[in-house]
All heavy atoms as atom14 arrays in JSON, in Angstrom:
{
  "sequence": "LAQEKGISQRGVMLVPSAEAVLRDKLPGLAPEAAEESWYQALRQE",
  "atom14_mask": [
    [1, 1, 1, 1, 1, 1, 1, 1, 0, 0, 0, 0, 0, 0],
    [1, 1, 1, 1, 1, 0, 0, 0, 0, 0, 0, 0, 0, 0],
    [1, 1, 1, 1, 1, 1, 1, 1, 1, 0, 0, 0, 0, 0],
    [1, 1, 1, 1, 1, 1, 1, 1, 1, 0, 0, 0, 0, 0],
    [1, 1, 1, 1, 1, 1, 1, 1, 1, 0, 0, 0, 0, 0],
    [1, 1, 1, 1, 0, 0, 0, 0, 0, 0, 0, 0, 0, 0],
    [1, 1, 1, 1, 1, 1, 1, 1, 0, 0, 0, 0, 0, 0],
    [1, 1, 1, 1, 1, 1, 0, 0, 0, 0, 0, 0, 0, 0],
    [1, 1, 1, 1, 1, 1, 1, 1, 1, 0, 0, 0, 0, 0],
    [1, 1, 1, 1, 1, 1, 1, 1, 1, 1, 1, 0, 0, 0],
    [1, 1, 1, 1, 0, 0, 0, 0, 0, 0, 0, 0, 0, 0],
    [1, 1, 1, 1, 1, 1, 1, 0, 0, 0, 0, 0, 0, 0],
    [1, 1, 1, 1, 1, 1, 1, 1, 0, 0, 0, 0, 0, 0],
    [1, 1, 1, 1, 1, 1, 1, 1, 0, 0, 0, 0, 0, 0],
    [1, 1, 1, 1, 1, 1, 1, 0, 0, 0, 0, 0, 0, 0],
    [1, 1, 1, 1, 1, 1, 1, 0, 0, 0, 0, 0, 0, 0],
    [1, 1, 1, 1, 1, 1, 0, 0, 0, 0, 0, 0, 0, 0],
    [1, 1, 1, 1, 1, 0, 0, 0, 0, 0, 0, 0, 0, 0],
    [1, 1, 1, 1, 1, 1, 1, 1, 1, 0, 0, 0, 0, 0],
    [1, 1, 1, 1, 1, 0, 0, 0, 0, 0, 0, 0, 0, 0],
    [1, 1, 1, 1, 1, 1, 1, 0, 0, 0, 0, 0, 0, 0],
    [1, 1, 1, 1, 1, 1, 1, 1, 0, 0, 0, 0, 0, 0],
    [1, 1, 1, 1, 1, 1, 1, 1, 1, 1, 1, 0, 0, 0],
    [1, 1, 1, 1, 1, 1, 1, 1, 0, 0, 0, 0, 0, 0],
    [1, 1, 1, 1, 1, 1, 1, 1, 1, 0, 0, 0, 0, 0],
    [1, 1, 1, 1, 1, 1, 1, 1, 0, 0, 0, 0, 0, 0],
    [1, 1, 1, 1, 1, 1, 1, 0, 0, 0, 0, 0, 0, 0],
    [1, 1, 1, 1, 0, 0, 0, 0, 0, 0, 0, 0, 0, 0],
    [1, 1, 1, 1, 1, 1, 1, 1, 0, 0, 0, 0, 0, 0],
    [1, 1, 1, 1, 1, 0, 0, 0, 0, 0, 0, 0, 0, 0],
    [1, 1, 1, 1, 1, 1, 1, 0, 0, 0, 0, 0, 0, 0],
    [1, 1, 1, 1, 1, 1, 1, 1, 1, 0, 0, 0, 0, 0],
    [1, 1, 1, 1, 1, 0, 0, 0, 0, 0, 0, 0, 0, 0],
    [1, 1, 1, 1, 1, 0, 0, 0, 0, 0, 0, 0, 0, 0],
    [1, 1, 1, 1, 1, 1, 1, 1, 1, 0, 0, 0, 0, 0],
    [1, 1, 1, 1, 1, 1, 1, 1, 1, 0, 0, 0, 0, 0],
    [1, 1, 1, 1, 1, 1, 0, 0, 0, 0, 0, 0, 0, 0],
    [1, 1, 1, 1, 1, 1, 1, 1, 1, 1, 1, 1, 1, 1],
    [1, 1, 1, 1, 1, 1, 1, 1, 1, 1, 1, 1, 0, 0],
    [1, 1, 1, 1, 1, 1, 1, 1, 1, 0, 0, 0, 0, 0],
    [1, 1, 1, 1, 1, 0, 0, 0, 0, 0, 0, 0, 0, 0],
    [1, 1, 1, 1, 1, 1, 1, 1, 0, 0, 0, 0, 0, 0],
    [1, 1, 1, 1, 1, 1, 1, 1, 1, 1, 1, 0, 0, 0],
    [1, 1, 1, 1, 1, 1, 1, 1, 1, 0, 0, 0, 0, 0],
    [1, 1, 1, 1, 1, 1, 1, 1, 1, 0, 0, 0, 0, 0]
  ],
  "atom14_positions": [
    [[30.72, -87.2, -61.84], [30.34, -85.8, -61.75], [31.53, -84.89, -62.05], [31.41, -83.89, -62.76], [29.78, -85.5, -60.36], [29.36, -84.04, -60.08], [28.23, -83.62, -61.03], [28.94, -83.87, -58.63], [0.0, 0.0, 0.0], [0.0, 0.0, 0.0], [0.0, 0.0, 0.0], [0.0, 0.0, 0.0], [0.0, 0.0, 0.0], [0.0, 0.0, 0.0]],
    [[32.69, -85.25, -61.5], [33.89, -84.46, -61.76], [34.23, -84.44, -63.25], [34.62, -83.4, -63.8], [35.07, -85.03, -60.95], [0.0, 0.0, 0.0], [0.0, 0.0, 0.0], [0.0, 0.0, 0.0], [0.0, 0.0, 0.0], [0.0, 0.0, 0.0], [0.0, 0.0, 0.0], [0.0, 0.0, 0.0], [0.0, 0.0, 0.0], [0.0, 0.0, 0.0]],
    [[34.06, -85.58, -63.9], [34.33, -85.63, -65.34], [33.36, -84.74, -66.1], [33.76, -84.03, -67.03], [34.23, -87.08, -65.82], [34.68, -87.27, -67.26], [34.7, -88.73, -67.65], [33.82, -89.5, -67.27], [35.71, -89.13, -68.41], [0.0, 0.0, 0.0], [0.0, 0.0, 0.0], [0.0, 0.0, 0.0], [0.0, 0.0, 0.0], [0.0, 0.0, 0.0]],
    [[32.09, -84.75, -65.69], [31.1, -83.89, -66.34], [31.44, -82.41, -66.18], [31.15, -81.59, -67.07], [29.71, -84.14, -65.72], [29.11, -85.48, -66.06], [27.83, -85.73, -65.29], [27.29, -84.75, -64.71], [27.37, -86.89, -65.25], [0.0, 0.0, 0.0], [0.0, 0.0, 0.0], [0.0, 0.0, 0.0], [0.0, 0.0, 0.0], [0.0, 0.0, 0.0]],
    [[32.07, -82.06, -65.06], [32.41, -80.66, -64.78], [33.78, -80.28, -65.33], [34.31, -79.22, -65.01], [32.35, -80.39, -63.28], [31.0, -80.68, -62.63], [29.88, -79.88, -63.27], [28.53, -80.21, -62.65], [27.42, -79.49, -63.3], [0.0, 0.0, 0.0], [0.0, 0.0, 0.0], [0.0, 0.0, 0.0], [0.0, 0.0, 0.0], [0.0, 0.0, 0.0]],
    [[34.37, -81.16, -66.12], [35.62, -80.82, -66.8], [36.88, -81.13, -66.04], [37.96, -80.67, -66.42], [0.0, 0.0, 0.0], [0.0, 0.0, 0.0], [0.0, 0.0, 0.0], [0.0, 0.0, 0.0], [0.0, 0.0, 0.0], [0.0, 0.0, 0.0], [0.0, 0.0, 0.0], [0.0, 0.0, 0.0], [0.0, 0.0, 0.0], [0.0, 0.0, 0.0]],
    [[36.81, -81.92, -64.98], [38.01, -82.31, -64.23], [38.51, -83.62, -64.82], [37.98, -84.69, -64.52], [37.71, -82.45, -62.73], [37.06, -81.18, -62.18], [38.98, -82.77, -61.95], [36.6, -81.29, -60.73], [0.0, 0.0, 0.0], [0.0, 0.0, 0.0], [0.0, 0.0, 0.0], [0.0, 0.0, 0.0], [0.0, 0.0, 0.0], [0.0, 0.0, 0.0]],
    [[39.52, -83.53, -65.65], [39.98, -84.72, -66.36], [40.86, -85.62, -65.5], [40.86, -86.84, -65.65], [40.74, -84.31, -67.62], [41.83, -83.45, -67.29], [0.0, 0.0, 0.0], [0.0, 0.0, 0.0], [0.0, 0.0, 0.0], [0.0, 0.0, 0.0], [0.0, 0.0, 0.0], [0.0, 0.0, 0.0], [0.0, 0.0, 0.0], [0.0, 0.0, 0.0]],
    [[41.65, -85.03, -64.59], [42.53, -85.82, -63.71], [41.77, -86.18, -62.44], [41.51, -85.33, -61.6], [43.79, -85.03, -63.37], [44.74, -84.86, -64.55], [45.98, -84.1, -64.14], [46.03, -82.87, -64.18], [47.01, -84.82, -63.72], [0.0, 0.0, 0.0], [0.0, 0.0, 0.0], [0.0, 0.0, 0.0], [0.0, 0.0, 0.0], [0.0, 0.0, 0.0]],
    [[41.42, -87.45, -62.32], [40.64, -87.91, -61.19], [41.31, -89.16, -60.61], [41.58, -90.11, -61.35], [39.2, -88.24, -61.62], [38.42, -87.02, -62.14], [37.22, -87.44, -62.96], [37.64, -88.21, -64.12], [37.14, -89.41, -64.43], [36.22, -89.97, -63.67], [37.58, -90.06, -65.51], [0.0, 0.0, 0.0], [0.0, 0.0, 0.0], [0.0, 0.0, 0.0]],
    [[41.57, -89.13, -59.32], [42.28, -90.25, -58.71], [41.69, -90.66, -57.37], [41.0, -89.88, -56.71], [0.0, 0.0, 0.0], [0.0, 0.0, 0.0], [0.0, 0.0, 0.0], [0.0, 0.0, 0.0], [0.0, 0.0, 0.0], [0.0, 0.0, 0.0], [0.0, 0.0, 0.0], [0.0, 0.0, 0.0], [0.0, 0.0, 0.0], [0.0, 0.0, 0.0]],
    [[41.96, -91.91, -57.0], [41.51, -92.47, -55.73], [42.71, -93.07, -55.01], [43.47, -93.84, -55.6], [40.43, -93.56, -55.94], [40.08, -94.23, -54.61], [39.2, -92.98, -56.59], [0.0, 0.0, 0.0], [0.0, 0.0, 0.0], [0.0, 0.0, 0.0], [0.0, 0.0, 0.0], [0.0, 0.0, 0.0], [0.0, 0.0, 0.0], [0.0, 0.0, 0.0]],
    [[42.87, -92.7, -53.75], [43.93, -93.24, -52.91], [43.26, -93.84, -51.67], [42.89, -93.12, -50.74], [44.93, -92.15, -52.52], [46.13, -92.66, -51.72], [47.27, -91.32, -51.24], [47.98, -90.88, -52.84], [0.0, 0.0, 0.0], [0.0, 0.0, 0.0], [0.0, 0.0, 0.0], [0.0, 0.0, 0.0], [0.0, 0.0, 0.0], [0.0, 0.0, 0.0]],
    [[43.07, -95.16, -51.69], [42.49, -95.85, -50.54], [43.64, -96.46, -49.75], [44.26, -97.44, -50.18], [41.49, -96.91, -51.0], [40.22, -96.35, -51.65], [39.26, -97.5, -52.01], [39.51, -95.36, -50.74], [0.0, 0.0, 0.0], [0.0, 0.0, 0.0], [0.0, 0.0, 0.0], [0.0, 0.0, 0.0], [0.0, 0.0, 0.0], [0.0, 0.0, 0.0]],
    [[43.9, -95.88, -48.6], [45.09, -96.22, -47.81], [44.84, -97.53, -47.06], [43.84, -97.65, -46.33], [45.41, -95.1, -46.81], [46.7, -95.43, -46.05], [45.51, -93.75, -47.52], [0.0, 0.0, 0.0], [0.0, 0.0, 0.0], [0.0, 0.0, 0.0], [0.0, 0.0, 0.0], [0.0, 0.0, 0.0], [0.0, 0.0, 0.0], [0.0, 0.0, 0.0]],
    [[45.71, -98.52, -47.22], [45.52, -99.77, -46.48], [45.68, -99.57, -44.99], [46.39, -98.69, -44.53], [46.63, -100.68, -47.05], [47.65, -99.75, -47.6], [46.91, -98.55, -48.08], [0.0, 0.0, 0.0], [0.0, 0.0, 0.0], [0.0, 0.0, 0.0], [0.0, 0.0, 0.0], [0.0, 0.0, 0.0], [0.0, 0.0, 0.0], [0.0, 0.0, 0.0]],
    [[45.0, -100.4, -44.24], [45.11, -100.36, -42.78], [46.43, -101.0, -42.35], [47.03, -101.79, -43.09], [43.95, -101.11, -42.14], [42.71, -100.58, -42.56], [0.0, 0.0, 0.0], [0.0, 0.0, 0.0], [0.0, 0.0, 0.0], [0.0, 0.0, 0.0], [0.0, 0.0, 0.0], [0.0, 0.0, 0.0], [0.0, 0.0, 0.0], [0.0, 0.0, 0.0]],
    [[46.86, -100.69, -41.15], [48.09, -101.27, -40.62], [48.03, -102.79, -40.62], [49.02, -103.48, -40.86], [48.36, -100.74, -39.21], [0.0, 0.0, 0.0], [0.0, 0.0, 0.0], [0.0, 0.0, 0.0], [0.0, 0.0, 0.0], [0.0, 0.0, 0.0], [0.0, 0.0, 0.0], [0.0, 0.0, 0.0], [0.0, 0.0, 0.0], [0.0, 0.0, 0.0]],
    [[46.84, -103.33, -40.38], [46.65, -104.78, -40.37], [47.06, -105.42, -41.68], [47.59, -106.54, -41.71], [45.16, -105.07, -40.08], [44.77, -106.52, -40.17], [43.26, -106.71, -40.23], [42.53, -105.71, -40.4], [42.83, -107.87, -40.13], [0.0, 0.0, 0.0], [0.0, 0.0, 0.0], [0.0, 0.0, 0.0], [0.0, 0.0, 0.0], [0.0, 0.0, 0.0]],
    [[46.85, -104.72, -42.8], [47.18, -105.26, -44.12], [48.64, -105.04, -44.49], [49.17, -105.74, -45.35], [46.28, -104.63, -45.18], [0.0, 0.0, 0.0], [0.0, 0.0, 0.0], [0.0, 0.0, 0.0], [0.0, 0.0, 0.0], [0.0, 0.0, 0.0], [0.0, 0.0, 0.0], [0.0, 0.0, 0.0], [0.0, 0.0, 0.0], [0.0, 0.0, 0.0]],
    [[49.28, -104.07, -43.86], [50.66, -103.71, -44.21], [51.67, -104.37, -43.28], [52.66, -104.97, -43.72], [50.84, -102.18, -44.2], [52.31, -101.8, -44.4], [49.98, -101.53, -45.28], [0.0, 0.0, 0.0], [0.0, 0.0, 0.0], [0.0, 0.0, 0.0], [0.0, 0.0, 0.0], [0.0, 0.0, 0.0], [0.0, 0.0, 0.0], [0.0, 0.0, 0.0]],
    [[51.43, -104.29, -41.98], [52.41, -104.76, -41.0], [52.15, -106.21, -40.64], [51.98, -106.57, -39.46], [52.35, -103.87, -39.75], [52.51, -102.36, -39.98], [52.4, -101.61, -38.67], [53.84, -102.06, -40.67], [0.0, 0.0, 0.0], [0.0, 0.0, 0.0], [0.0, 0.0, 0.0], [0.0, 0.0, 0.0], [0.0, 0.0, 0.0], [0.0, 0.0, 0.0]],
    [[52.15, -107.08, -41.64], [51.83, -108.49, -41.4], [52.84, -109.16, -40.47], [52.47, -110.06, -39.7], [51.77, -109.24, -42.73], [50.77, -108.73, -43.75], [49.36, -108.8, -43.27], [48.93, -110.17, -42.97], [47.79, -110.46, -42.36], [46.97, -109.5, -42.0], [47.47, -111.72, -42.12], [0.0, 0.0, 0.0], [0.0, 0.0, 0.0], [0.0, 0.0, 0.0]],
    [[54.09, -108.73, -40.52], [55.11, -109.35, -39.68], [54.99, -108.93, -38.21], [55.64, -109.52, -37.35], [56.51, -109.02, -40.2], [56.78, -107.53, -40.23], [55.82, -106.76, -40.46], [57.93, -107.12, -40.02], [0.0, 0.0, 0.0], [0.0, 0.0, 0.0], [0.0, 0.0, 0.0], [0.0, 0.0, 0.0], [0.0, 0.0, 0.0], [0.0, 0.0, 0.0]],
    [[54.17, -107.91, -37.94], [53.98, -107.46, -36.56], [52.77, -108.12, -35.9], [52.57, -107.98, -34.69], [53.79, -105.94, -36.52], [54.91, -105.13, -37.16], [56.2, -105.23, -36.4], [57.25, -104.3, -36.98], [58.57, -104.46, -36.32], [0.0, 0.0, 0.0], [0.0, 0.0, 0.0], [0.0, 0.0, 0.0], [0.0, 0.0, 0.0], [0.0, 0.0, 0.0]],
    [[51.93, -108.79, -36.69], [50.71, -109.37, -36.16], [50.99, -110.61, -35.32], [52.01, -111.28, -35.51], [49.76, -109.74, -37.3], [49.1, -108.59, -38.05], [48.35, -109.12, -39.26], [48.17, -107.81, -37.15], [0.0, 0.0, 0.0], [0.0, 0.0, 0.0], [0.0, 0.0, 0.0], [0.0, 0.0, 0.0], [0.0, 0.0, 0.0], [0.0, 0.0, 0.0]],
    [[50.09, -110.95, -34.4], [50.25, -112.21, -33.66], [50.22, -113.4, -34.6], [49.66, -113.34, -35.7], [49.02, -112.21, -32.73], [48.56, -110.8, -32.66], [48.91, -110.19, -33.98], [0.0, 0.0, 0.0], [0.0, 0.0, 0.0], [0.0, 0.0, 0.0], [0.0, 0.0, 0.0], [0.0, 0.0, 0.0], [0.0, 0.0, 0.0], [0.0, 0.0, 0.0]],
    [[50.83, -114.49, -34.18], [50.83, -115.7, -34.99], [49.43, -116.19, -35.29], [48.52, -116.06, -34.47], [0.0, 0.0, 0.0], [0.0, 0.0, 0.0], [0.0, 0.0, 0.0], [0.0, 0.0, 0.0], [0.0, 0.0, 0.0], [0.0, 0.0, 0.0], [0.0, 0.0, 0.0], [0.0, 0.0, 0.0], [0.0, 0.0, 0.0], [0.0, 0.0, 0.0]],
    [[49.23, -116.74, -36.48], [47.96, -117.3, -36.95], [46.86, -116.25, -37.16], [45.69, -116.59, -37.29], [47.45, -118.38, -35.98], [48.41, -119.55, -35.7], [47.78, -120.52, -34.72], [48.79, -120.24, -37.0], [0.0, 0.0, 0.0], [0.0, 0.0, 0.0], [0.0, 0.0, 0.0], [0.0, 0.0, 0.0], [0.0, 0.0, 0.0], [0.0, 0.0, 0.0]],
    [[47.24, -114.97, -37.19], [46.24, -113.94, -37.52], [45.79, -114.14, -38.96], [46.62, -114.37, -39.85], [46.84, -112.55, -37.35], [0.0, 0.0, 0.0], [0.0, 0.0, 0.0], [0.0, 0.0, 0.0], [0.0, 0.0, 0.0], [0.0, 0.0, 0.0], [0.0, 0.0, 0.0], [0.0, 0.0, 0.0], [0.0, 0.0, 0.0], [0.0, 0.0, 0.0]],
    [[44.49, -114.08, -39.23], [44.0, -114.32, -40.59], [44.38, -113.19, -41.54], [44.76, -112.1, -41.11], [42.47, -114.38, -40.4], [42.22, -113.55, -39.18], [43.4, -113.76, -38.28], [0.0, 0.0, 0.0], [0.0, 0.0, 0.0], [0.0, 0.0, 0.0], [0.0, 0.0, 0.0], [0.0, 0.0, 0.0], [0.0, 0.0, 0.0], [0.0, 0.0, 0.0]],
    [[44.26, -113.45, -42.82], [44.49, -112.42, -43.82], [43.53, -111.26, -43.61], [42.39, -111.46, -43.18], [44.33, -112.98, -45.23], [45.48, -113.85, -45.7], [46.79, -113.08, -45.81], [46.78, -111.96, -46.37], [47.8, -113.6, -45.33], [0.0, 0.0, 0.0], [0.0, 0.0, 0.0], [0.0, 0.0, 0.0], [0.0, 0.0, 0.0], [0.0, 0.0, 0.0]],
    [[43.99, -110.06, -43.93], [43.14, -108.89, -43.77], [41.95, -108.98, -44.72], [42.13, -109.21, -45.93], [43.94, -107.61, -44.02], [0.0, 0.0, 0.0], [0.0, 0.0, 0.0], [0.0, 0.0, 0.0], [0.0, 0.0, 0.0], [0.0, 0.0, 0.0], [0.0, 0.0, 0.0], [0.0, 0.0, 0.0], [0.0, 0.0, 0.0], [0.0, 0.0, 0.0]],
    [[40.75, -108.79, -44.19], [39.54, -108.93, -45.01], [39.47, -107.87, -46.1], [38.77, -108.06, -47.1], [38.3, -108.84, -44.1], [0.0, 0.0, 0.0], [0.0, 0.0, 0.0], [0.0, 0.0, 0.0], [0.0, 0.0, 0.0], [0.0, 0.0, 0.0], [0.0, 0.0, 0.0], [0.0, 0.0, 0.0], [0.0, 0.0, 0.0], [0.0, 0.0, 0.0]],
    [[40.19, -106.77, -45.94], [40.11, -105.67, -46.91], [40.78, -106.01, -48.24], [40.52, -105.35, -49.24], [40.72, -104.4, -46.34], [42.22, -104.45, -46.13], [42.75, -103.17, -45.48], [42.29, -102.83, -44.37], [43.61, -102.53, -46.09], [0.0, 0.0, 0.0], [0.0, 0.0, 0.0], [0.0, 0.0, 0.0], [0.0, 0.0, 0.0], [0.0, 0.0, 0.0]],
    [[41.65, -107.02, -48.26], [42.42, -107.33, -49.47], [41.5, -107.68, -50.64], [41.57, -107.07, -51.71], [43.38, -108.49, -49.19], [44.4, -108.23, -48.11], [45.62, -107.51, -48.61], [45.58, -107.0, -49.75], [46.62, -107.46, -47.87], [0.0, 0.0, 0.0], [0.0, 0.0, 0.0], [0.0, 0.0, 0.0], [0.0, 0.0, 0.0], [0.0, 0.0, 0.0]],
    [[40.64, -108.69, -50.45], [39.77, -109.12, -51.54], [38.73, -108.06, -51.86], [38.36, -107.88, -53.03], [39.09, -110.44, -51.18], [38.35, -110.31, -49.97], [0.0, 0.0, 0.0], [0.0, 0.0, 0.0], [0.0, 0.0, 0.0], [0.0, 0.0, 0.0], [0.0, 0.0, 0.0], [0.0, 0.0, 0.0], [0.0, 0.0, 0.0], [0.0, 0.0, 0.0]],
    [[38.26, -107.34, -50.83], [37.3, -106.26, -51.06], [37.88, -105.2, -51.97], [37.23, -104.72, -52.91], [36.89, -105.63, -49.73], [36.17, -104.33, -49.89], [34.85, -104.14, -50.15], [36.75, -103.01, -49.83], [34.56, -102.79, -50.25], [35.71, -102.08, -50.06], [38.04, -102.54, -49.59], [35.93, -100.71, -50.06], [38.26, -101.18, -49.6], [37.21, -100.27, -49.83]],
    [[39.13, -104.82, -51.72], [39.75, -103.74, -52.5], [39.91, -104.14, -53.96], [39.65, -103.34, -54.86], [41.11, -103.39, -51.89], [41.85, -102.33, -52.66], [41.39, -101.02, -52.7], [43.03, -102.64, -53.36], [42.06, -100.05, -53.41], [43.7, -101.66, -54.07], [43.22, -100.37, -54.09], [43.89, -99.41, -54.81], [0.0, 0.0, 0.0], [0.0, 0.0, 0.0]],
    [[40.33, -105.37, -54.2], [40.49, -105.82, -55.59], [39.15, -105.84, -56.31], [39.05, -105.44, -57.48], [41.14, -107.2, -55.62], [42.56, -107.23, -55.07], [43.49, -106.23, -55.75], [43.4, -106.0, -56.96], [44.38, -105.62, -54.97], [0.0, 0.0, 0.0], [0.0, 0.0, 0.0], [0.0, 0.0, 0.0], [0.0, 0.0, 0.0], [0.0, 0.0, 0.0]],
    [[38.1, -106.27, -55.63], [36.76, -106.28, -56.24], [36.27, -104.86, -56.49], [35.62, -104.58, -57.51], [35.79, -107.03, -55.33], [0.0, 0.0, 0.0], [0.0, 0.0, 0.0], [0.0, 0.0, 0.0], [0.0, 0.0, 0.0], [0.0, 0.0, 0.0], [0.0, 0.0, 0.0], [0.0, 0.0, 0.0], [0.0, 0.0, 0.0], [0.0, 0.0, 0.0]],
    [[36.58, -103.95, -55.57], [36.18, -102.56, -55.74], [36.84, -101.94, -56.96], [36.2, -101.2, -57.73], [36.54, -101.76, -54.49], [36.05, -100.3, -54.48], [34.57, -100.25, -54.15], [36.85, -99.47, -53.47], [0.0, 0.0, 0.0], [0.0, 0.0, 0.0], [0.0, 0.0, 0.0], [0.0, 0.0, 0.0], [0.0, 0.0, 0.0], [0.0, 0.0, 0.0]],
    [[38.11, -102.23, -57.16], [38.82, -101.71, -58.33], [38.17, -102.18, -59.63], [38.0, -101.41, -60.57], [40.28, -102.14, -58.29], [41.14, -101.33, -57.33], [42.56, -101.27, -57.83], [42.65, -100.78, -59.21], [43.77, -100.57, -59.86], [44.93, -100.79, -59.27], [43.78, -100.13, -61.1], [0.0, 0.0, 0.0], [0.0, 0.0, 0.0], [0.0, 0.0, 0.0]],
    [[37.83, -103.45, -59.68], [37.18, -103.98, -60.88], [35.83, -103.3, -61.11], [35.49, -102.94, -62.24], [36.99, -105.49, -60.74], [38.29, -106.28, -60.75], [38.07, -107.77, -60.6], [36.93, -108.24, -60.56], [39.15, -108.53, -60.49], [0.0, 0.0, 0.0], [0.0, 0.0, 0.0], [0.0, 0.0, 0.0], [0.0, 0.0, 0.0], [0.0, 0.0, 0.0]],
    [[35.08, -103.1, -60.04], [33.79, -102.42, -60.16], [33.98, -100.98, -60.63], [33.23, -100.49, -61.48], [33.07, -102.44, -58.8], [31.71, -101.77, -58.83], [31.05, -101.75, -57.46], [31.43, -102.56, -56.59], [30.16, -100.9, -57.25], [0.0, 0.0, 0.0], [0.0, 0.0, 0.0], [0.0, 0.0, 0.0], [0.0, 0.0, 0.0], [0.0, 0.0, 0.0]]
  ]
}
């Protein structure tokens, strides 16, 4: 819609959660953040 209305510069900033960034602060054996694979798939879509 923004492109249709003449806004050529369009950006998305999806900020990662602390869980995905502060991996060294997490308890031992904490699983990978579920948002990682979701975000990569979203970008492709």
